[in-house]
Amino acid sequence: MSCCCSPDKAGMGSSSGPLPLAITTVPVQPWEEPYTPCRALKTGTIFQSLDLPFYVTGGETNG
């Protein structure tokens, strides 16, 4: 019994292997001097470029 969800049955042509689920891209982060351990724990990151403000929006519906 053949599966109805195989790539051949779904109209995607023949394939020699499984189709990829996703393709990711990750930008390269340049090296910078990390925070001290105390400051890193306080801010939640060790790099200044990742220390971004956190804004809660939406009023009471998100609270």
PDB file of N, CA and C in Angstrom:
ATOM      1  N   MET A   1       0.842  -1.179   0.000  1.00  0.00           N
ATOM      2  CA  MET A   1       0.000   0.000   0.000  1.00  0.00           C
ATOM      3  C   MET A   1       0.889   1.244   0.000  1.00  0.00           C
ATOM      4  N   SER A   2       0.591   2.177  -0.853  1.00  0.00           N
ATOM      5  CA  SER A   2       1.383   3.389  -1.029  1.00  0.00           C
ATOM      6  C   SER A   2       0.774   4.538  -0.230  1.00  0.00           C
ATOM      7  N   CYS A   3       1.632   5.410   0.280  1.00  0.00           N
ATOM      8  CA  CYS A   3       1.170   6.578   1.023  1.00  0.00           C
ATOM      9  C   CYS A   3       0.711   7.657   0.046  1.00  0.00           C
ATOM     10  N   CYS A   4      -0.421   8.287   0.341  1.00  0.00           N
ATOM     11  CA  CYS A   4      -0.945   9.328  -0.542  1.00  0.00           C
ATOM     12  C   CYS A   4      -0.232  10.659  -0.342  1.00  0.00           C
ATOM     13  N   CYS A   5       0.653  10.755   0.638  1.00  0.00           N
ATOM     14  CA  CYS A   5       1.324  12.016   0.935  1.00  0.00           C
ATOM     15  C   CYS A   5       2.767  12.042   0.449  1.00  0.00           C
ATOM     16  N   SER A   6       3.173  11.079  -0.331  1.00  0.00           N
ATOM     17  CA  SER A   6       4.544  11.064  -0.825  1.00  0.00           C
ATOM     18  C   SER A   6       4.714  12.164  -1.872  1.00  0.00           C
ATOM     19  N   PRO A   7       5.940  12.647  -2.098  1.00  0.00           N
ATOM     20  CA  PRO A   7       6.158  13.719  -3.071  1.00  0.00           C
ATOM     21  C   PRO A   7       5.655  13.374  -4.473  1.00  0.00           C
ATOM     22  N   ASP A   8       5.760  12.103  -4.886  1.00  0.00           N
ATOM     23  CA  ASP A   8       5.282  11.720  -6.220  1.00  0.00           C
ATOM     24  C   ASP A   8       3.778  11.876  -6.336  1.00  0.00           C
ATOM     25  N   LYS A   9       3.047  11.544  -5.300  1.00  0.00           N
ATOM     26  CA  LYS A   9       1.586  11.621  -5.322  1.00  0.00           C
ATOM     27  C   LYS A   9       1.089  13.052  -5.156  1.00  0.00           C
ATOM     28  N   ALA A  10       1.905  13.922  -4.565  1.00  0.00           N
ATOM     29  CA  ALA A  10       1.480  15.297  -4.313  1.00  0.00           C
ATOM     30  C   ALA A  10       1.741  16.216  -5.499  1.00  0.00           C
ATOM     31  N   GLY A  11       2.222  15.672  -6.617  1.00  0.00           N
ATOM     32  CA  GLY A  11       2.461  16.480  -7.795  1.00  0.00           C
ATOM     33  C   GLY A  11       3.770  17.232  -7.768  1.00  0.00           C
ATOM     34  N   MET A  12       4.740  16.781  -6.986  1.00  0.00           N
ATOM     35  CA  MET A  12       6.014  17.470  -6.885  1.00  0.00           C
ATOM     36  C   MET A  12       7.113  16.752  -7.658  1.00  0.00           C
ATOM     37  N   GLY A  13       6.767  15.775  -8.441  1.00  0.00           N
ATOM     38  CA  GLY A  13       7.772  15.076  -9.225  1.00  0.00           C
ATOM     39  C   GLY A  13       8.526  14.058  -8.406  1.00  0.00           C
ATOM     40  N   SER A  14       9.462  13.404  -9.060  1.00  0.00           N
ATOM     41  CA  SER A  14      10.221  12.387  -8.344  1.00  0.00           C
ATOM     42  C   SER A  14      11.336  13.045  -7.543  1.00  0.00           C
ATOM     43  N   SER A  15      11.695  12.396  -6.469  1.00  0.00           N
ATOM     44  CA  SER A  15      12.725  12.914  -5.589  1.00  0.00           C
ATOM     45  C   SER A  15      13.578  11.757  -5.114  1.00  0.00           C
ATOM     46  N   SER A  16      14.881  11.997  -4.993  1.00  0.00           N
ATOM     47  CA  SER A  16      15.763  10.935  -4.539  1.00  0.00           C
ATOM     48  C   SER A  16      15.803  10.856  -3.019  1.00  0.00           C
ATOM     49  N   GLY A  17      15.186  11.786  -2.318  1.00  0.00           N
ATOM     50  CA  GLY A  17      15.184  11.785  -0.865  1.00  0.00           C
ATOM     51  C   GLY A  17      14.059  12.651  -0.335  1.00  0.00           C
ATOM     52  N   PRO A  18      13.993  12.786   0.974  1.00  0.00           N
ATOM     53  CA  PRO A  18      12.923  13.598   1.558  1.00  0.00           C
ATOM     54  C   PRO A  18      13.104  15.078   1.235  1.00  0.00           C
ATOM     55  N   LEU A  19      11.986  15.772   1.152  1.00  0.00           N
ATOM     56  CA  LEU A  19      12.018  17.211   0.887  1.00  0.00           C
ATOM     57  C   LEU A  19      12.445  17.953   2.151  1.00  0.00           C
ATOM     58  N   PRO A  20      13.182  19.054   2.034  1.00  0.00           N
ATOM     59  CA  PRO A  20      13.598  19.803   3.225  1.00  0.00           C
ATOM     60  C   PRO A  20      12.392  20.464   3.888  1.00  0.00           C
ATOM     61  N   LEU A  21      12.399  20.478   5.209  1.00  0.00           N
ATOM     62  CA  LEU A  21      11.317  21.100   5.961  1.00  0.00           C
ATOM     63  C   LEU A  21      11.405  22.617   5.896  1.00  0.00           C
ATOM     64  N   ALA A  22      12.632  23.145   6.036  1.00  0.00           N
ATOM     65  CA  ALA A  22      12.829  24.592   6.021  1.00  0.00           C
ATOM     66  C   ALA A  22      14.282  24.899   5.702  1.00  0.00           C
ATOM     67  N   ILE A  23      14.519  26.117   5.275  1.00  0.00           N
ATOM     68  CA  ILE A  23      15.872  26.601   5.043  1.00  0.00           C
ATOM     69  C   ILE A  23      16.048  27.839   5.920  1.00  0.00           C
ATOM     70  N   THR A  24      17.086  27.852   6.727  1.00  0.00           N
ATOM     71  CA  THR A  24      17.289  28.983   7.631  1.00  0.00           C
ATOM     72  C   THR A  24      18.493  29.806   7.204  1.00  0.00           C
ATOM     73  N   THR A  25      18.456  31.063   7.564  1.00  0.00           N
ATOM     74  CA  THR A  25      19.621  31.921   7.397  1.00  0.00           C
ATOM     75  C   THR A  25      19.872  32.621   8.722  1.00  0.00           C
ATOM     76  N   VAL A  26      21.113  32.671   9.117  1.00  0.00           N
ATOM     77  CA  VAL A  26      21.494  33.299  10.378  1.00  0.00           C
ATOM     78  C   VAL A  26      22.582  34.322  10.083  1.00  0.00           C
ATOM     79  N   PRO A  27      22.311  35.602  10.361  1.00  0.00           N
ATOM     80  CA  PRO A  27      23.344  36.599  10.090  1.00  0.00           C
ATOM     81  C   PRO A  27      24.542  36.408  11.026  1.00  0.00           C
ATOM     82  N   VAL A  28      25.707  36.705  10.513  1.00  0.00           N
ATOM     83  CA  VAL A  28      26.922  36.598  11.306  1.00  0.00           C
ATOM     84  C   VAL A  28      26.995  37.799  12.244  1.00  0.00           C
ATOM     85  N   GLN A  29      27.179  37.523  13.523  1.00  0.00           N
ATOM     86  CA  GLN A  29      27.290  38.590  14.511  1.00  0.00           C
ATOM     87  C   GLN A  29      28.760  38.904  14.721  1.00  0.00           C
ATOM     88  N   PRO A  30      29.165  40.160  14.507  1.00  0.00           N
ATOM     89  CA  PRO A  30      30.572  40.492  14.742  1.00  0.00           C
ATOM     90  C   PRO A  30      30.914  40.380  16.220  1.00  0.00           C
ATOM     91  N   TRP A  31      32.152  40.006  16.508  1.00  0.00           N
ATOM     92  CA  TRP A  31      32.581  39.864  17.886  1.00  0.00           C
ATOM     93  C   TRP A  31      32.665  41.226  18.554  1.00  0.00           C
ATOM     94  N   GLU A  32      32.230  41.290  19.784  1.00  0.00           N
ATOM     95  CA  GLU A  32      32.368  42.493  20.596  1.00  0.00           C
ATOM     96  C   GLU A  32      32.674  42.067  22.027  1.00  0.00           C
ATOM     97  N   GLU A  33      33.179  42.978  22.793  1.00  0.00           N
ATOM     98  CA  GLU A  33      33.548  42.679  24.170  1.00  0.00           C
ATOM     99  C   GLU A  33      32.285  42.347  24.977  1.00  0.00           C
ATOM    100  N   PRO A  34      32.236  41.200  25.641  1.00  0.00           N
ATOM    101  CA  PRO A  34      31.024  40.848  26.399  1.00  0.00           C
ATOM    102  C   PRO A  34      30.912  41.644  27.698  1.00  0.00           C
ATOM    103  N   TYR A  35      29.662  41.699  28.204  1.00  0.00           N
ATOM    104  CA  TYR A  35      29.418  42.322  29.502  1.00  0.00           C
ATOM    105  C   TYR A  35      30.104  41.513  30.600  1.00  0.00           C
ATOM    106  N   THR A  36      30.255  42.130  31.745  1.00  0.00           N
ATOM    107  CA  THR A  36      30.727  41.396  32.921  1.00  0.00           C
ATOM    108  C   THR A  36      29.635  40.396  33.317  1.00  0.00           C
ATOM    109  N   PRO A  37      29.976  39.321  34.002  1.00  0.00           N
ATOM    110  CA  PRO A  37      28.951  38.345  34.386  1.00  0.00           C
ATOM    111  C   PRO A  37      27.782  38.947  35.173  1.00  0.00           C
ATOM    112  N   CYS A  38      28.065  39.889  36.064  1.00  0.00           N
ATOM    113  CA  CYS A  38      27.000  40.514  36.856  1.00  0.00           C
ATOM    114  C   CYS A  38      26.034  41.296  35.959  1.00  0.00           C
ATOM    115  N   ARG A  39      26.583  42.098  35.054  1.00  0.00           N
ATOM    116  CA  ARG A  39      25.725  42.890  34.161  1.00  0.00           C
ATOM    117  C   ARG A  39      24.995  41.989  33.173  1.00  0.00           C
ATOM    118  N   ALA A  40      25.638  40.930  32.711  1.00  0.00           N
ATOM    119  CA  ALA A  40      24.996  40.005  31.778  1.00  0.00           C
ATOM    120  C   ALA A  40      23.772  39.354  32.416  1.00  0.00           C
ATOM    121  N   LEU A  41      23.876  38.950  33.671  1.00  0.00           N
ATOM    122  CA  LEU A  41      22.721  38.361  34.358  1.00  0.00           C
ATOM    123  C   LEU A  41      21.603  39.383  34.545  1.00  0.00           C
ATOM    124  N   LYS A  42      21.970  40.624  34.798  1.00  0.00           N
ATOM    125  CA  LYS A  42      20.966  41.667  35.007  1.00  0.00           C
ATOM    126  C   LYS A  42      20.222  42.006  33.718  1.00  0.00           C
ATOM    127  N   THR A  43      20.948  42.064  32.584  1.00  0.00           N
ATOM    128  CA  THR A  43      20.327  42.454  31.318  1.00  0.00           C
ATOM    129  C   THR A  43      19.780  41.275  30.519  1.00  0.00           C
ATOM    130  N   GLY A  44      20.267  40.072  30.798  1.00  0.00           N
ATOM    131  CA  GLY A  44      19.767  38.892  30.079  1.00  0.00           C
ATOM    132  C   GLY A  44      20.533  38.567  28.820  1.00  0.00           C
ATOM    133  N   THR A  45      21.644  39.236  28.568  1.00  0.00           N
ATOM    134  CA  THR A  45      22.484  38.955  27.411  1.00  0.00           C
ATOM    135  C   THR A  45      23.918  39.352  27.744  1.00  0.00           C
ATOM    136  N   ILE A  46      24.857  38.778  27.000  1.00  0.00           N
ATOM    137  CA  ILE A  46      26.248  39.148  27.270  1.00  0.00           C
ATOM    138  C   ILE A  46      26.783  40.182  26.292  1.00  0.00           C
ATOM    139  N   PHE A  47      26.025  40.482  25.230  1.00  0.00           N
ATOM    140  CA  PHE A  47      26.504  41.423  24.218  1.00  0.00           C
ATOM    141  C   PHE A  47      25.660  42.692  24.193  1.00  0.00           C
ATOM    142  N   GLN A  48      26.319  43.817  24.086  1.00  0.00           N
ATOM    143  CA  GLN A  48      25.633  45.112  24.081  1.00  0.00           C
ATOM    144  C   GLN A  48      24.693  45.249  22.886  1.00  0.00           C
ATOM    145  N   SER A  49      25.069  44.729  21.727  1.00  0.00           N
ATOM    146  CA  SER A  49      24.223  44.875  20.538  1.00  0.00           C
ATOM    147  C   SER A  49      22.911  44.088  20.659  1.00  0.00           C
ATOM    148  N   LEU A  50      22.857  43.128  21.569  1.00  0.00           N
ATOM    149  CA  LEU A  50      21.623  42.361  21.782  1.00  0.00           C
ATOM    150  C   LEU A  50      20.822  42.875  22.972  1.00  0.00           C
ATOM    151  N   ASP A  51      21.308  43.903  23.632  1.00  0.00           N
ATOM    152  CA  ASP A  51      20.634  44.488  24.786  1.00  0.00           C
ATOM    153  C   ASP A  51      19.616  45.503  24.282  1.00  0.00           C
ATOM    154  N   LEU A  52      18.444  45.025  23.919  1.00  0.00           N
ATOM    155  CA  LEU A  52      17.407  45.858  23.322  1.00  0.00           C
ATOM    156  C   LEU A  52      16.282  46.097  24.319  1.00  0.00           C
ATOM    157  N   PRO A  53      15.585  47.222  24.198  1.00  0.00           N
ATOM    158  CA  PRO A  53      14.477  47.504  25.117  1.00  0.00           C
ATOM    159  C   PRO A  53      13.312  46.548  24.870  1.00  0.00           C
ATOM    160  N   PHE A  54      12.579  46.253  25.918  1.00  0.00           N
ATOM    161  CA  PHE A  54      11.403  45.388  25.823  1.00  0.00           C
ATOM    162  C   PHE A  54      10.166  46.247  26.025  1.00  0.00           C
ATOM    163  N   TYR A  55       9.307  46.272  25.017  1.00  0.00           N
ATOM    164  CA  TYR A  55       8.104  47.068  25.091  1.00  0.00           C
ATOM    165  C   TYR A  55       6.901  46.150  25.094  1.00  0.00           C
ATOM    166  N   VAL A  56       6.011  46.337  26.054  1.00  0.00           N
ATOM    167  CA  VAL A  56       4.753  45.611  26.097  1.00  0.00           C
ATOM    168  C   VAL A  56       3.701  46.550  25.510  1.00  0.00           C
ATOM    169  N   THR A  57       3.018  46.071  24.474  1.00  0.00           N
ATOM    170  CA  THR A  57       1.973  46.885  23.849  1.00  0.00           C
ATOM    171  C   THR A  57       0.673  46.113  23.817  1.00  0.00           C
ATOM    172  N   GLY A  58      -0.385  46.790  23.587  1.00  0.00           N
ATOM    173  CA  GLY A  58      -1.678  46.137  23.437  1.00  0.00           C
ATOM    174  C   GLY A  58      -2.636  46.396  24.572  1.00  0.00           C
ATOM    175  N   GLY A  59      -2.200  47.091  25.583  1.00  0.00           N
ATOM    176  CA  GLY A  59      -3.100  47.424  26.688  1.00  0.00           C
ATOM    177  C   GLY A  59      -3.459  46.230  27.545  1.00  0.00           C
ATOM    178  N   GLU A  60      -4.661  46.244  28.072  1.00  0.00           N
ATOM    179  CA  GLU A  60      -5.090  45.231  29.020  1.00  0.00           C
ATOM    180  C   GLU A  60      -5.409  43.884  28.380  1.00  0.00           C
ATOM    181  N   THR A  61      -5.596  43.821  27.090  1.00  0.00           N
ATOM    182  CA  THR A  61      -5.929  42.552  26.444  1.00  0.00           C
ATOM    183  C   THR A  61      -4.755  41.588  26.453  1.00  0.00           C
ATOM    184  N   ASN A  62      -3.517  42.108  26.568  1.00  0.00           N
ATOM    185  CA  ASN A  62      -2.339  41.248  26.608  1.00  0.00           C
ATOM    186  C   ASN A  62      -1.841  41.001  28.022  1.00  0.00           C
ATOM    187  N   GLY A  63      -2.441  41.591  29.013  1.00  0.00           N
ATOM    188  CA  GLY A  63      -1.938  41.522  30.366  1.00  0.00           C
ATOM    189  C   GLY A  63      -2.478  40.389  31.127  1.00  0.00           C
TER     190      GLY A  63
END
